[in-house]
C-alpha atoms as a PDB file:
ATOM      1  CA  MET A   1       0.000   0.000   0.000  1.00  0.00           C
ATOM      2  CA  GLU A   2       1.400   3.396  -1.000  1.00  0.00           C
ATOM      3  CA  THR A   3       1.496   6.222   1.503  1.00  0.00           C
ATOM      4  CA  ASP A   4       1.897   9.948   1.147  1.00  0.00           C
ATOM      5  CA  ARG A   5       4.625   9.966   3.766  1.00  0.00           C
ATOM      6  CA  PRO A   6       8.026  11.157   2.519  1.00  0.00           C
ATOM      7  CA  ASN A   7      10.905   8.683   2.392  1.00  0.00           C
ATOM      8  CA  ILE A   8      13.938   9.558   4.519  1.00  0.00           C
ATOM      9  CA  LEU A   9      17.251   7.769   3.931  1.00  0.00           C
ATOM     10  CA  PHE A  10      19.818   7.860   6.757  1.00  0.00           C
ATOM     11  CA  VAL A  11      23.428   7.292   5.627  1.00  0.00           C
ATOM     12  CA  CYS A  12      26.620   6.668   7.583  1.00  0.00           C
ATOM     13  CA  GLY A  13      29.871   4.826   6.933  1.00  0.00           C
ATOM     14  CA  ARG A  14      29.192   1.172   7.674  1.00  0.00           C
ATOM     15  CA  ASN A  15      25.501   1.215   8.615  1.00  0.00           C
ATOM     16  CA  GLN A  16      26.503  -0.091  12.001  1.00  0.00           C
ATOM     17  CA  TRP A  17      25.786   2.543  14.674  1.00  0.00           C
ATOM     18  CA  ARG A  18      24.511   5.946  13.574  1.00  0.00           C
ATOM     19  CA  SER A  19      22.161   5.352  10.650  1.00  0.00           C
ATOM     20  CA  PRO A  20      20.596   2.193  12.176  1.00  0.00           C
ATOM     21  CA  THR A  21      20.021   4.198  15.375  1.00  0.00           C
ATOM     22  CA  ALA A  22      18.289   6.917  13.352  1.00  0.00           C
ATOM     23  CA  ALA A  23      16.142   4.384  11.488  1.00  0.00           C
ATOM     24  CA  ARG A  24      15.143   2.691  14.729  1.00  0.00           C
ATOM     25  CA  LEU A  25      14.368   6.025  16.380  1.00  0.00           C
ATOM     26  CA  TYR A  26      12.016   6.982  13.531  1.00  0.00           C
ATOM     27  CA  ALA A  27      10.743   3.498  12.615  1.00  0.00           C
ATOM     28  CA  ASN A  28       7.289   4.088  14.097  1.00  0.00           C
ATOM     29  CA  ASP A  29       6.988   7.771  13.227  1.00  0.00           C
ATOM     30  CA  GLN A  30       3.748   8.105  11.250  1.00  0.00           C
ATOM     31  CA  ARG A  31       5.011  11.227   9.464  1.00  0.00           C
ATOM     32  CA  ILE A  32       7.769   9.509   7.452  1.00  0.00           C
ATOM     33  CA  ASN A  33       9.145   6.243   6.029  1.00  0.00           C
ATOM     34  CA  VAL A  34      12.789   5.496   6.857  1.00  0.00           C
ATOM     35  CA  ARG A  35      15.709   3.337   5.744  1.00  0.00           C
ATOM     36  CA  SER A  36      19.349   3.203   6.791  1.00  0.00           C
ATOM     37  CA  VAL A  37      22.354   2.373   4.638  1.00  0.00           C
ATOM     38  CA  GLY A  38      26.128   2.704   4.665  1.00  0.00           C
ATOM     39  CA  MET A  39      28.685   3.936   2.158  1.00  0.00           C
ATOM     40  CA  SER A  40      31.391   1.327   2.813  1.00  0.00           C
ATOM     41  CA  PRO A  41      31.657  -1.942   0.866  1.00  0.00           C
ATOM     42  CA  ARG A  42      31.731  -3.542   4.349  1.00  0.00           C
ATOM     43  CA  SER A  43      28.353  -2.048   5.297  1.00  0.00           C
ATOM     44  CA  ASN A  44      25.618  -4.245   6.703  1.00  0.00           C
ATOM     45  CA  ARG A  45      23.415  -2.697   3.996  1.00  0.00           C
ATOM     46  CA  ARG A  46      25.284  -0.757   1.318  1.00  0.00           C
ATOM     47  CA  ILE A  47      23.651   2.164  -0.462  1.00  0.00           C
ATOM     48  CA  SER A  48      22.325   1.539  -3.966  1.00  0.00           C
ATOM     49  CA  SER A  49      20.800   3.606  -6.736  1.00  0.00           C
ATOM     50  CA  ALA A  50      17.419   2.127  -5.735  1.00  0.00           C
ATOM     51  CA  ASP A  51      17.837   3.707  -2.280  1.00  0.00           C
ATOM     52  CA  ILE A  52      18.580   7.096  -3.839  1.00  0.00           C
ATOM     53  CA  GLU A  53      15.582   6.814  -6.160  1.00  0.00           C
ATOM     54  CA  TRP A  54      13.352   5.842  -3.205  1.00  0.00           C
ATOM     55  CA  ALA A  55      14.415   8.798  -1.029  1.00  0.00           C
ATOM     56  CA  ASP A  56      12.758  12.193  -0.853  1.00  0.00           C
ATOM     57  CA  LEU A  57      15.419  13.406   1.593  1.00  0.00           C
ATOM     58  CA  VAL A  58      18.838  11.938   2.371  1.00  0.00           C
ATOM     59  CA  LEU A  59      20.340  12.642   5.793  1.00  0.00           C
ATOM     60  CA  VAL A  60      24.042  11.814   5.967  1.00  0.00           C
ATOM     61  CA  MET A  61      25.865  11.698   9.272  1.00  0.00           C
ATOM     62  CA  GLU A  62      28.932  13.587   8.000  1.00  0.00           C
ATOM     63  CA  ARG A  63      29.573  16.065   5.186  1.00  0.00           C
ATOM     64  CA  LYS A  64      32.073  13.712   3.515  1.00  0.00           C
ATOM     65  CA  TYR A  65      29.240  11.263   2.741  1.00  0.00           C
ATOM     66  CA  LYS A  66      27.319  13.972   0.927  1.00  0.00           C
ATOM     67  CA  ALA A  67      30.333  14.588  -1.313  1.00  0.00           C
ATOM     68  CA  ARG A  68      30.691  10.863  -1.969  1.00  0.00           C
ATOM     69  CA  LEU A  69      26.997  10.523  -2.831  1.00  0.00           C
ATOM     70  CA  LEU A  70      27.168  13.459  -5.230  1.00  0.00           C
ATOM     71  CA  GLY A  71      30.119  11.819  -7.010  1.00  0.00           C
ATOM     72  CA  THR A  72      28.906   8.225  -6.953  1.00  0.00           C
ATOM     73  CA  PHE A  73      25.345   8.920  -8.080  1.00  0.00           C
ATOM     74  CA  ARG A  74      25.965  11.948 -10.324  1.00  0.00           C
ATOM     75  CA  ASP A  75      23.924  10.389 -13.142  1.00  0.00           C
ATOM     76  CA  LEU A  76      20.765  10.221 -11.004  1.00  0.00           C
ATOM     77  CA  ASP A  77      18.263  12.922 -10.172  1.00  0.00           C
ATOM     78  CA  LEU A  78      19.349  13.278  -6.561  1.00  0.00           C
ATOM     79  CA  PRO A  79      17.009  14.231  -3.740  1.00  0.00           C
ATOM     80  CA  VAL A  80      18.016  16.910  -1.241  1.00  0.00           C
ATOM     81  CA  ILE A  81      21.014  15.716   0.783  1.00  0.00           C
ATOM     82  CA  GLU A  82      21.691  17.263   4.198  1.00  0.00           C
ATOM     83  CA  SER A  83      24.442  16.519   6.700  1.00  0.00           C
ATOM     84  CA  LEU A  84      23.578  16.044  10.372  1.00  0.00           C
ATOM     85  CA  GLU A  85      27.279  16.534  11.296  1.00  0.00           C
ATOM     86  CA  ILE A  86      27.351  13.650  13.769  1.00  0.00           C
ATOM     87  CA  PRO A  87      30.842  12.170  14.216  1.00  0.00           C
ATOM     88  CA  ASP A  88      31.504   8.443  14.355  1.00  0.00           C
ATOM     89  CA  THR A  89      32.083   8.403  18.111  1.00  0.00           C
ATOM     90  CA  TYR A  90      28.821   6.875  19.344  1.00  0.00           C
ATOM     91  CA  GLN A  91      27.533   3.368  19.896  1.00  0.00           C
ATOM     92  CA  TYR A  92      24.131   2.109  18.760  1.00  0.00           C
ATOM     93  CA  MET A  93      21.256   3.834  20.624  1.00  0.00           C
ATOM     94  CA  ASP A  94      23.619   6.003  22.722  1.00  0.00           C
ATOM     95  CA  GLU A  95      21.529   8.682  24.494  1.00  0.00           C
ATOM     96  CA  GLU A  96      23.619  11.582  23.164  1.00  0.00           C
ATOM     97  CA  LEU A  97      23.451  10.125  19.657  1.00  0.00           C
ATOM     98  CA  LEU A  98      19.658   9.890  19.937  1.00  0.00           C
ATOM     99  CA  GLN A  99      19.455  13.553  20.930  1.00  0.00           C
ATOM    100  CA  LEU A 100      21.717  14.684  18.059  1.00  0.00           C
ATOM    101  CA  ILE A 101      19.724  12.643  15.545  1.00  0.00           C
ATOM    102  CA  ARG A 102      16.402  14.055  16.823  1.00  0.00           C
ATOM    103  CA  GLU A 103      17.618  17.637  16.723  1.00  0.00           C
ATOM    104  CA  GLY A 104      19.109  17.410  13.239  1.00  0.00           C
ATOM    105  CA  THR A 105      16.340  15.311  11.731  1.00  0.00           C
ATOM    106  CA  GLU A 106      13.533  17.458  13.128  1.00  0.00           C
ATOM    107  CA  PHE A 107      15.256  20.589  11.799  1.00  0.00           C
ATOM    108  CA  CYS A 108      15.583  19.046   8.326  1.00  0.00           C
ATOM    109  CA  LEU A 109      12.034  17.682   8.303  1.00  0.00           C
ATOM    110  CA  ARG A 110      10.696  21.115   9.121  1.00  0.00           C
ATOM    111  CA  SER A 111      12.988  23.218   6.932  1.00  0.00           C
ATOM    112  CA  ARG A 112      13.082  20.929   3.891  1.00  0.00           C
ATOM    113  CA  LEU A 113       9.694  19.193   3.959  1.00  0.00           C
ATOM    114  CA  GLY A 114       7.490  21.428   6.108  1.00  0.00           C
ATOM    115  CA  ILE A 115       6.872  18.611   8.593  1.00  0.00           C
ATOM    116  CA  GLU A 116       6.281  19.859  12.112  1.00  0.00           C
ATOM    117  CA  PRO A 117       7.443  18.008  15.232  1.00  0.00           C
ATOM    118  CA  THR A 118       4.842  15.897  16.979  1.00  0.00           C
ATOM    119  CA  ALA A 119       4.485  14.626  20.514  1.00  0.00           C
ATOM    120  CA  GLY A 120       6.076  11.402  19.213  1.00  0.00           C
ATOM    121  CA  SER A 121       9.200  13.294  18.214  1.00  0.00           C
ATOM    122  CA  ASP A 122       9.934  14.133  21.868  1.00  0.00           C
ATOM    123  CA  GLY A 123       8.854  17.729  21.515  1.00  0.00           C
ATOM    124  CA  PHE A 124      12.001  19.000  19.813  1.00  0.00           C
ATOM    125  CA  SER A 125      11.184  22.186  18.011  1.00  0.00           C
ATOM    126  CA  CYS A 126      13.214  23.572  15.191  1.00  0.00           C
END
């Protein structure tokens, strides 16, 4: 069944800590659909052109991944790509990581897609 919810793709290096945390955090958010992928060949789930085509908004954890996406998928019509600027220093579901993901994601949802925070997004306002 198709939904009108936008598709958000979270991207980090190996799809091990940051992007899976983001996908889990937003998995039950009724405003959006989410996926997580990694850039590395050693990723649990490596990014593909199908992921890019699926996404309405791509949220990378670091600016360097945006540059790599722009180069790797230059032949595709790319969605908006924003960097959350979250360094690779956190473990899966770390409380500080959760807060950084919420803050950055809520800002991007509001500024790029016009999606307002809900009670389910922990009340972060952007």
